[in-house]
Amino acid sequence: MKAVVYREYAPDDDYAKILKVEDIDDPKPKPDEVIFTNKASALNYNDIWGMRGVPIAIPLPHVSGSDVAGDVIAVGEDVKNFKEGDRVVSHSNLACRVCSACTDGREFDCVKRQVWGFQTGPLWGAYCEQIHLPEVNVSKIPEGVSYEDAAAASMTL
């Protein structure tokens, strides 16, 4: 699949010189993962920070993006709440799900929390044709909400 990849930082904010369209492997779903197409994605400030390498140097090479919406094309064997064809949106908060904050329902307080598409290496971000995320990081898009609106407001859905 095609993805927008960068292999170096752009501290001078000249992103055109670092962003390249490359072919990367299509994702295969792990047992708890949902794979969906990228119908719309949004840019947020974490993406800019990532390309600058400041304030956090992220693993390179990297595919940024944490706000994306699309259609489910595959699910892992343990996925219960999604099926092919569902319209979905990402949630970028990757929590450990086992610490006291997570088990109390406060995933945003997780001490091991990472932001998908910003701090993560093994999970490519949103700027590619197919997205793979754990089921807990995906929500169905409500009727009447466009892919564009869902991607722009992913944290609220």
N, C-alpha and C. Protein backbone atom coordinates (compact mmCIF):
# COMPACT_ATOMS: atom_id res chain seq x y z
N MET A 1 0.85 -1.18 0.00
CA MET A 1 0.00 0.00 0.00
C MET A 1 0.89 1.24 0.00
N LYS A 2 0.32 2.35 -0.38
CA LYS A 2 1.03 3.63 -0.38
C LYS A 2 0.95 4.27 1.00
N ALA A 3 2.02 4.95 1.38
CA ALA A 3 2.06 5.67 2.66
C ALA A 3 2.97 6.88 2.51
N VAL A 4 2.71 7.90 3.30
CA VAL A 4 3.58 9.07 3.37
C VAL A 4 4.56 8.82 4.51
N VAL A 5 5.83 8.62 4.14
CA VAL A 5 6.86 8.21 5.10
C VAL A 5 7.91 9.31 5.20
N TYR A 6 8.45 9.48 6.41
CA TYR A 6 9.65 10.29 6.53
C TYR A 6 10.71 9.53 7.30
N ARG A 7 11.96 9.73 6.87
CA ARG A 7 13.10 8.99 7.41
C ARG A 7 14.10 9.91 8.10
N GLU A 8 13.77 11.19 8.16
CA GLU A 8 14.60 12.18 8.85
C GLU A 8 13.68 13.29 9.34
N TYR A 9 14.18 14.13 10.22
CA TYR A 9 13.39 15.24 10.75
C TYR A 9 13.58 16.49 9.91
N ALA A 10 12.65 17.43 10.05
CA ALA A 10 12.72 18.72 9.36
C ALA A 10 12.65 19.84 10.39
N PRO A 11 13.75 20.09 11.12
CA PRO A 11 13.71 21.13 12.14
C PRO A 11 13.45 22.52 11.58
N ASP A 12 13.67 22.71 10.28
CA ASP A 12 13.42 24.01 9.65
C ASP A 12 12.00 24.11 9.08
N ASP A 13 11.15 23.11 9.37
CA ASP A 13 9.75 23.07 8.92
C ASP A 13 9.59 22.95 7.41
N ASP A 14 10.61 22.52 6.70
CA ASP A 14 10.49 22.29 5.25
C ASP A 14 10.11 20.82 5.04
N TYR A 15 8.83 20.53 5.26
CA TYR A 15 8.35 19.15 5.24
C TYR A 15 8.38 18.53 3.86
N ALA A 16 8.32 19.34 2.82
CA ALA A 16 8.32 18.82 1.45
C ALA A 16 9.60 18.03 1.17
N LYS A 17 10.69 18.38 1.81
CA LYS A 17 11.94 17.67 1.53
C LYS A 17 12.06 16.34 2.27
N ILE A 18 11.21 16.10 3.28
CA ILE A 18 11.32 14.83 4.01
C ILE A 18 10.17 13.87 3.74
N LEU A 19 9.00 14.37 3.34
CA LEU A 19 7.83 13.51 3.13
C LEU A 19 7.89 12.85 1.76
N LYS A 20 7.84 11.53 1.74
CA LYS A 20 7.91 10.77 0.49
C LYS A 20 6.80 9.73 0.48
N VAL A 21 6.18 9.54 -0.68
CA VAL A 21 5.21 8.47 -0.84
C VAL A 21 5.99 7.19 -1.15
N GLU A 22 5.77 6.18 -0.32
CA GLU A 22 6.47 4.91 -0.47
C GLU A 22 5.48 3.76 -0.41
N ASP A 23 5.91 2.62 -0.90
CA ASP A 23 5.14 1.39 -0.74
C ASP A 23 5.57 0.71 0.56
N ILE A 24 4.58 0.37 1.39
CA ILE A 24 4.84 -0.40 2.60
C ILE A 24 3.91 -1.61 2.57
N ASP A 25 4.19 -2.58 3.42
CA ASP A 25 3.38 -3.80 3.45
C ASP A 25 1.95 -3.51 3.91
N ASP A 26 0.99 -4.19 3.29
CA ASP A 26 -0.39 -4.13 3.78
C ASP A 26 -0.44 -4.77 5.16
N PRO A 27 -1.23 -4.21 6.06
CA PRO A 27 -1.33 -4.81 7.39
C PRO A 27 -2.13 -6.10 7.38
N LYS A 28 -1.78 -6.99 8.26
CA LYS A 28 -2.53 -8.22 8.51
C LYS A 28 -3.08 -8.10 9.93
N PRO A 29 -4.36 -8.40 10.14
CA PRO A 29 -4.90 -8.18 11.48
C PRO A 29 -4.39 -9.18 12.51
N LYS A 30 -3.97 -8.63 13.65
CA LYS A 30 -3.70 -9.48 14.81
C LYS A 30 -5.06 -9.85 15.39
N PRO A 31 -5.12 -10.80 16.32
CA PRO A 31 -6.42 -11.25 16.82
C PRO A 31 -7.34 -10.14 17.32
N ASP A 32 -6.79 -9.08 17.91
CA ASP A 32 -7.62 -8.02 18.49
C ASP A 32 -7.69 -6.77 17.62
N GLU A 33 -7.26 -6.84 16.37
CA GLU A 33 -7.15 -5.65 15.53
C GLU A 33 -8.24 -5.53 14.48
N VAL A 34 -8.50 -4.27 14.13
CA VAL A 34 -9.40 -3.90 13.04
C VAL A 34 -8.55 -3.24 11.96
N ILE A 35 -8.78 -3.61 10.71
CA ILE A 35 -8.11 -2.96 9.58
C ILE A 35 -9.17 -2.21 8.80
N PHE A 36 -8.88 -0.93 8.51
CA PHE A 36 -9.83 -0.13 7.75
C PHE A 36 -9.12 0.78 6.77
N THR A 37 -9.86 1.17 5.74
CA THR A 37 -9.33 2.05 4.71
C THR A 37 -9.26 3.48 5.23
N ASN A 38 -8.42 4.27 4.60
CA ASN A 38 -8.32 5.69 4.94
C ASN A 38 -9.19 6.47 3.96
N LYS A 39 -10.37 6.86 4.40
CA LYS A 39 -11.26 7.69 3.58
C LYS A 39 -11.02 9.17 3.83
N ALA A 40 -10.57 9.52 5.04
CA ALA A 40 -10.26 10.91 5.39
C ALA A 40 -9.34 10.90 6.61
N SER A 41 -8.36 11.79 6.59
CA SER A 41 -7.50 11.93 7.76
C SER A 41 -7.25 13.41 8.00
N ALA A 42 -6.95 13.74 9.24
CA ALA A 42 -6.75 15.13 9.63
C ALA A 42 -5.31 15.32 10.10
N LEU A 43 -4.87 16.55 10.05
CA LEU A 43 -3.54 16.93 10.53
C LEU A 43 -3.70 17.57 11.89
N ASN A 44 -2.88 17.17 12.86
CA ASN A 44 -2.89 17.87 14.13
C ASN A 44 -1.47 18.22 14.54
N TYR A 45 -1.34 18.93 15.64
CA TYR A 45 -0.02 19.44 16.00
C TYR A 45 0.97 18.34 16.34
N ASN A 46 0.52 17.19 16.81
CA ASN A 46 1.46 16.08 17.06
C ASN A 46 2.19 15.68 15.78
N ASP A 47 1.51 15.76 14.64
CA ASP A 47 2.15 15.42 13.37
C ASP A 47 3.30 16.38 13.07
N ILE A 48 3.08 17.67 13.31
CA ILE A 48 4.13 18.67 13.09
C ILE A 48 5.30 18.42 14.05
N TRP A 49 4.99 18.21 15.32
CA TRP A 49 6.06 17.91 16.29
C TRP A 49 6.86 16.71 15.85
N GLY A 50 6.17 15.66 15.40
CA GLY A 50 6.86 14.46 14.98
C GLY A 50 7.82 14.71 13.83
N MET A 51 7.38 15.49 12.85
CA MET A 51 8.25 15.77 11.70
C MET A 51 9.41 16.68 12.08
N ARG A 52 9.25 17.48 13.13
CA ARG A 52 10.35 18.31 13.62
C ARG A 52 11.32 17.51 14.48
N GLY A 53 10.84 16.44 15.10
CA GLY A 53 11.66 15.69 16.04
C GLY A 53 11.71 16.36 17.40
N VAL A 54 10.82 17.34 17.64
CA VAL A 54 10.78 18.11 18.88
C VAL A 54 9.33 18.24 19.29
N PRO A 55 8.92 18.08 20.52
CA PRO A 55 9.75 17.89 21.71
C PRO A 55 10.16 16.45 21.95
N ILE A 56 9.62 15.52 21.17
CA ILE A 56 9.96 14.10 21.36
C ILE A 56 10.49 13.56 20.04
N ALA A 57 11.66 12.93 20.10
CA ALA A 57 12.19 12.27 18.91
C ALA A 57 11.50 10.92 18.77
N ILE A 58 10.76 10.75 17.70
CA ILE A 58 10.01 9.52 17.49
C ILE A 58 10.82 8.54 16.65
N PRO A 59 10.47 7.25 16.68
CA PRO A 59 11.21 6.27 15.90
C PRO A 59 11.10 6.55 14.39
N LEU A 60 12.20 6.41 13.70
CA LEU A 60 12.23 6.58 12.24
C LEU A 60 12.59 5.25 11.60
N PRO A 61 12.12 4.96 10.40
CA PRO A 61 11.19 5.76 9.59
C PRO A 61 9.82 5.80 10.24
N HIS A 62 9.01 6.76 9.80
CA HIS A 62 7.73 6.98 10.47
C HIS A 62 6.64 7.37 9.49
N VAL A 63 5.43 6.91 9.77
CA VAL A 63 4.21 7.35 9.10
C VAL A 63 3.38 8.04 10.16
N SER A 64 3.19 9.35 10.04
CA SER A 64 2.45 10.13 11.03
C SER A 64 0.95 9.96 10.86
N GLY A 65 0.23 10.69 11.70
CA GLY A 65 -1.22 10.74 11.61
C GLY A 65 -1.89 9.92 12.68
N SER A 66 -2.84 10.55 13.38
CA SER A 66 -3.56 9.84 14.43
C SER A 66 -5.06 10.04 14.35
N ASP A 67 -5.52 10.82 13.39
CA ASP A 67 -6.95 11.11 13.25
C ASP A 67 -7.40 10.66 11.86
N VAL A 68 -8.16 9.56 11.80
CA VAL A 68 -8.50 8.97 10.51
C VAL A 68 -9.84 8.26 10.59
N ALA A 69 -10.55 8.26 9.47
CA ALA A 69 -11.84 7.57 9.38
C ALA A 69 -11.89 6.78 8.08
N GLY A 70 -12.62 5.67 8.10
CA GLY A 70 -12.74 4.85 6.90
C GLY A 70 -13.67 3.67 7.09
N ASP A 71 -13.53 2.68 6.19
CA ASP A 71 -14.39 1.49 6.19
C ASP A 71 -13.59 0.26 6.59
N VAL A 72 -14.16 -0.55 7.47
CA VAL A 72 -13.51 -1.78 7.91
C VAL A 72 -13.41 -2.75 6.73
N ILE A 73 -12.20 -3.31 6.52
CA ILE A 73 -11.99 -4.29 5.46
C ILE A 73 -11.57 -5.66 6.00
N ALA A 74 -11.15 -5.72 7.27
CA ALA A 74 -10.78 -7.00 7.89
C ALA A 74 -10.77 -6.84 9.41
N VAL A 75 -11.03 -7.94 10.08
CA VAL A 75 -10.97 -7.94 11.55
C VAL A 75 -10.25 -9.20 12.03
N GLY A 76 -9.58 -9.08 13.16
CA GLY A 76 -8.94 -10.23 13.78
C GLY A 76 -9.97 -11.16 14.39
N GLU A 77 -9.54 -12.38 14.66
CA GLU A 77 -10.45 -13.42 15.14
C GLU A 77 -11.11 -13.11 16.48
N ASP A 78 -10.51 -12.25 17.30
CA ASP A 78 -11.08 -11.93 18.61
C ASP A 78 -11.92 -10.66 18.62
N VAL A 79 -12.02 -9.98 17.49
CA VAL A 79 -12.79 -8.73 17.42
C VAL A 79 -14.28 -9.04 17.51
N LYS A 80 -14.96 -8.35 18.40
CA LYS A 80 -16.38 -8.63 18.67
C LYS A 80 -17.34 -7.56 18.15
N ASN A 81 -16.89 -6.31 18.07
CA ASN A 81 -17.82 -5.20 17.84
C ASN A 81 -17.80 -4.60 16.45
N PHE A 82 -16.99 -5.15 15.55
CA PHE A 82 -16.88 -4.58 14.21
C PHE A 82 -16.91 -5.69 13.16
N LYS A 83 -17.37 -5.30 11.96
CA LYS A 83 -17.40 -6.24 10.84
C LYS A 83 -17.03 -5.47 9.57
N GLU A 84 -16.72 -6.20 8.52
CA GLU A 84 -16.40 -5.57 7.24
C GLU A 84 -17.54 -4.65 6.83
N GLY A 85 -17.17 -3.48 6.34
CA GLY A 85 -18.15 -2.50 5.88
C GLY A 85 -18.53 -1.45 6.90
N ASP A 86 -18.24 -1.68 8.19
CA ASP A 86 -18.54 -0.66 9.20
C ASP A 86 -17.75 0.61 8.93
N ARG A 87 -18.40 1.75 9.13
CA ARG A 87 -17.72 3.05 9.05
C ARG A 87 -17.14 3.35 10.43
N VAL A 88 -15.81 3.59 10.48
CA VAL A 88 -15.13 3.74 11.77
C VAL A 88 -14.19 4.94 11.80
N VAL A 89 -13.82 5.31 13.03
CA VAL A 89 -12.88 6.39 13.27
C VAL A 89 -11.89 5.93 14.34
N SER A 90 -10.67 6.45 14.26
CA SER A 90 -9.61 6.06 15.20
C SER A 90 -9.69 6.83 16.51
N HIS A 91 -9.10 6.23 17.54
CA HIS A 91 -8.79 6.90 18.81
C HIS A 91 -7.30 6.70 19.02
N SER A 92 -6.58 7.77 19.24
CA SER A 92 -5.13 7.69 19.24
C SER A 92 -4.50 7.31 20.57
N ASN A 93 -5.28 7.21 21.63
CA ASN A 93 -4.73 6.91 22.95
C ASN A 93 -4.46 5.42 23.10
N LEU A 94 -3.19 5.02 23.02
CA LEU A 94 -2.81 3.62 23.20
C LEU A 94 -2.38 3.43 24.65
N ALA A 95 -3.23 2.82 25.44
CA ALA A 95 -2.96 2.60 26.85
C ALA A 95 -2.61 1.14 27.10
N CYS A 96 -1.99 0.87 28.24
CA CYS A 96 -1.56 -0.50 28.54
C CYS A 96 -2.72 -1.42 28.89
N ARG A 97 -3.81 -0.87 29.39
CA ARG A 97 -5.04 -1.60 29.74
C ARG A 97 -4.92 -2.48 30.98
N VAL A 98 -3.76 -2.44 31.68
CA VAL A 98 -3.61 -3.28 32.87
C VAL A 98 -3.24 -2.50 34.14
N CYS A 99 -2.76 -1.28 34.01
CA CYS A 99 -2.39 -0.51 35.20
C CYS A 99 -3.65 -0.07 35.96
N SER A 100 -3.47 0.48 37.15
CA SER A 100 -4.63 0.86 37.96
C SER A 100 -5.47 1.95 37.29
N ALA A 101 -4.82 2.89 36.60
CA ALA A 101 -5.59 3.93 35.90
C ALA A 101 -6.45 3.31 34.80
N CYS A 102 -5.87 2.40 34.03
CA CYS A 102 -6.62 1.77 32.94
C CYS A 102 -7.77 0.92 33.47
N THR A 103 -7.51 0.13 34.49
CA THR A 103 -8.57 -0.74 35.00
C THR A 103 -9.66 0.05 35.72
N ASP A 104 -9.36 1.31 36.09
CA ASP A 104 -10.37 2.21 36.66
C ASP A 104 -11.11 3.00 35.58
N GLY A 105 -10.78 2.74 34.29
CA GLY A 105 -11.44 3.45 33.20
C GLY A 105 -10.84 4.81 32.90
N ARG A 106 -9.62 5.05 33.37
CA ARG A 106 -8.95 6.34 33.15
C ARG A 106 -7.72 6.13 32.25
N GLU A 107 -7.96 5.63 31.02
CA GLU A 107 -6.86 5.33 30.12
C GLU A 107 -5.97 6.53 29.82
N PHE A 108 -6.52 7.74 29.87
CA PHE A 108 -5.70 8.92 29.59
C PHE A 108 -4.70 9.20 30.71
N ASP A 109 -4.86 8.55 31.86
CA ASP A 109 -3.91 8.68 32.96
C ASP A 109 -2.89 7.54 32.99
N CYS A 110 -2.94 6.66 32.02
CA CYS A 110 -2.02 5.52 31.96
C CYS A 110 -0.58 6.02 31.91
N VAL A 111 0.27 5.46 32.78
CA VAL A 111 1.67 5.89 32.81
C VAL A 111 2.45 5.37 31.61
N LYS A 112 1.93 4.39 30.90
CA LYS A 112 2.59 3.84 29.71
C LYS A 112 1.92 4.31 28.43
N ARG A 113 1.01 5.24 28.54
CA ARG A 113 0.22 5.70 27.39
C ARG A 113 1.12 6.26 26.29
N GLN A 114 0.78 5.92 25.06
CA GLN A 114 1.43 6.48 23.88
C GLN A 114 0.35 7.01 22.95
N VAL A 115 0.75 7.94 22.10
CA VAL A 115 -0.17 8.47 21.11
C VAL A 115 0.13 7.78 19.79
N TRP A 116 -0.87 7.02 19.29
CA TRP A 116 -0.70 6.31 18.02
C TRP A 116 -0.44 7.32 16.91
N GLY A 117 0.49 6.99 16.03
CA GLY A 117 0.81 7.87 14.92
C GLY A 117 1.80 8.96 15.29
N PHE A 118 2.16 9.03 16.57
CA PHE A 118 3.12 10.04 17.02
C PHE A 118 4.29 9.38 17.73
N GLN A 119 4.02 8.60 18.74
CA GLN A 119 5.08 7.97 19.52
C GLN A 119 5.30 6.51 19.17
N THR A 120 4.52 5.97 18.28
CA THR A 120 4.56 4.54 18.03
C THR A 120 5.34 4.19 16.77
N GLY A 121 6.14 3.16 16.85
CA GLY A 121 6.87 2.67 15.70
C GLY A 121 6.21 1.48 15.05
N PRO A 122 5.85 0.45 15.82
CA PRO A 122 5.30 -0.75 15.17
C PRO A 122 3.92 -0.54 14.56
N LEU A 123 3.17 0.43 15.01
CA LEU A 123 1.87 0.74 14.41
C LEU A 123 2.03 2.01 13.58
N TRP A 124 2.05 1.85 12.26
CA TRP A 124 2.13 3.03 11.40
C TRP A 124 0.96 3.95 11.68
N GLY A 125 1.13 5.24 11.44
CA GLY A 125 0.06 6.20 11.65
C GLY A 125 -0.96 6.21 10.52
N ALA A 126 -1.71 7.30 10.44
CA ALA A 126 -2.88 7.38 9.58
C ALA A 126 -2.60 7.73 8.12
N TYR A 127 -1.41 8.23 7.81
CA TYR A 127 -1.17 8.70 6.45
C TYR A 127 -0.74 7.56 5.53
N CYS A 128 -1.63 6.58 5.43
CA CYS A 128 -1.44 5.44 4.54
C CYS A 128 -2.82 4.93 4.11
N GLU A 129 -2.83 4.00 3.18
CA GLU A 129 -4.11 3.56 2.60
C GLU A 129 -4.93 2.67 3.52
N GLN A 130 -4.26 1.90 4.38
CA GLN A 130 -4.98 1.00 5.29
C GLN A 130 -4.44 1.18 6.71
N ILE A 131 -5.36 1.20 7.65
CA ILE A 131 -5.03 1.43 9.05
C ILE A 131 -5.25 0.14 9.83
N HIS A 132 -4.37 -0.15 10.78
CA HIS A 132 -4.63 -1.27 11.70
C HIS A 132 -4.45 -0.78 13.12
N LEU A 133 -5.49 -1.03 13.91
CA LEU A 133 -5.50 -0.60 15.31
C LEU A 133 -6.20 -1.66 16.17
N PRO A 134 -5.86 -1.70 17.45
CA PRO A 134 -6.62 -2.57 18.35
C PRO A 134 -8.10 -2.15 18.35
N GLU A 135 -8.97 -3.13 18.52
CA GLU A 135 -10.41 -2.86 18.52
C GLU A 135 -10.78 -1.74 19.49
N VAL A 136 -10.12 -1.68 20.64
CA VAL A 136 -10.46 -0.66 21.65
C VAL A 136 -10.12 0.75 21.19
N ASN A 137 -9.37 0.89 20.10
CA ASN A 137 -8.99 2.20 19.59
C ASN A 137 -9.78 2.60 18.35
N VAL A 138 -10.93 1.96 18.16
CA VAL A 138 -11.78 2.24 17.01
C VAL A 138 -13.22 2.41 17.49
N SER A 139 -13.93 3.37 16.90
CA SER A 139 -15.36 3.56 17.20
C SER A 139 -16.13 3.66 15.90
N LYS A 140 -17.40 3.27 15.95
CA LYS A 140 -18.26 3.43 14.77
C LYS A 140 -18.61 4.91 14.61
N ILE A 141 -18.68 5.33 13.36
CA ILE A 141 -19.07 6.71 13.05
C ILE A 141 -20.59 6.79 13.09
N PRO A 142 -21.13 7.74 13.84
CA PRO A 142 -22.59 7.87 13.89
C PRO A 142 -23.18 8.21 12.52
N GLU A 143 -24.42 7.76 12.29
CA GLU A 143 -25.13 8.09 11.05
C GLU A 143 -25.16 9.61 10.88
N GLY A 144 -24.99 10.05 9.64
CA GLY A 144 -25.06 11.47 9.34
C GLY A 144 -23.75 12.22 9.51
N VAL A 145 -22.72 11.56 10.06
CA VAL A 145 -21.41 12.19 10.23
C VAL A 145 -20.52 11.74 9.07
N SER A 146 -19.93 12.68 8.36
CA SER A 146 -19.07 12.35 7.22
C SER A 146 -17.71 11.81 7.70
N TYR A 147 -16.99 11.15 6.80
CA TYR A 147 -15.64 10.69 7.11
C TYR A 147 -14.76 11.88 7.50
N GLU A 148 -14.89 12.98 6.76
CA GLU A 148 -14.06 14.16 7.02
C GLU A 148 -14.33 14.72 8.41
N ASP A 149 -15.60 14.84 8.76
CA ASP A 149 -15.94 15.37 10.09
C ASP A 149 -15.49 14.41 11.19
N ALA A 150 -15.64 13.11 10.95
CA ALA A 150 -15.21 12.12 11.95
C ALA A 150 -13.71 12.19 12.18
N ALA A 151 -12.92 12.28 11.10
CA ALA A 151 -11.47 12.37 11.24
C ALA A 151 -11.06 13.65 11.95
N ALA A 152 -11.72 14.75 11.63
CA ALA A 152 -11.37 16.03 12.25
C ALA A 152 -11.74 16.08 13.72
N ALA A 153 -12.71 15.28 14.12
CA ALA A 153 -13.20 15.30 15.51
C ALA A 153 -13.07 13.93 16.16
N SER A 154 -12.05 13.18 15.80
CA SER A 154 -11.95 11.78 16.24
C SER A 154 -11.95 11.62 17.75
N MET A 155 -11.37 12.54 18.47
CA MET A 155 -11.32 12.41 19.93
C MET A 155 -12.68 12.61 20.58
N THR A 156 -13.62 13.20 19.87
CA THR A 156 -14.94 13.44 20.45
C THR A 156 -15.93 12.32 20.14
N LEU A 157 -15.61 11.46 19.19
CA LEU A 157 -16.52 10.38 18.81
C LEU A 157 -16.16 9.17 19.61
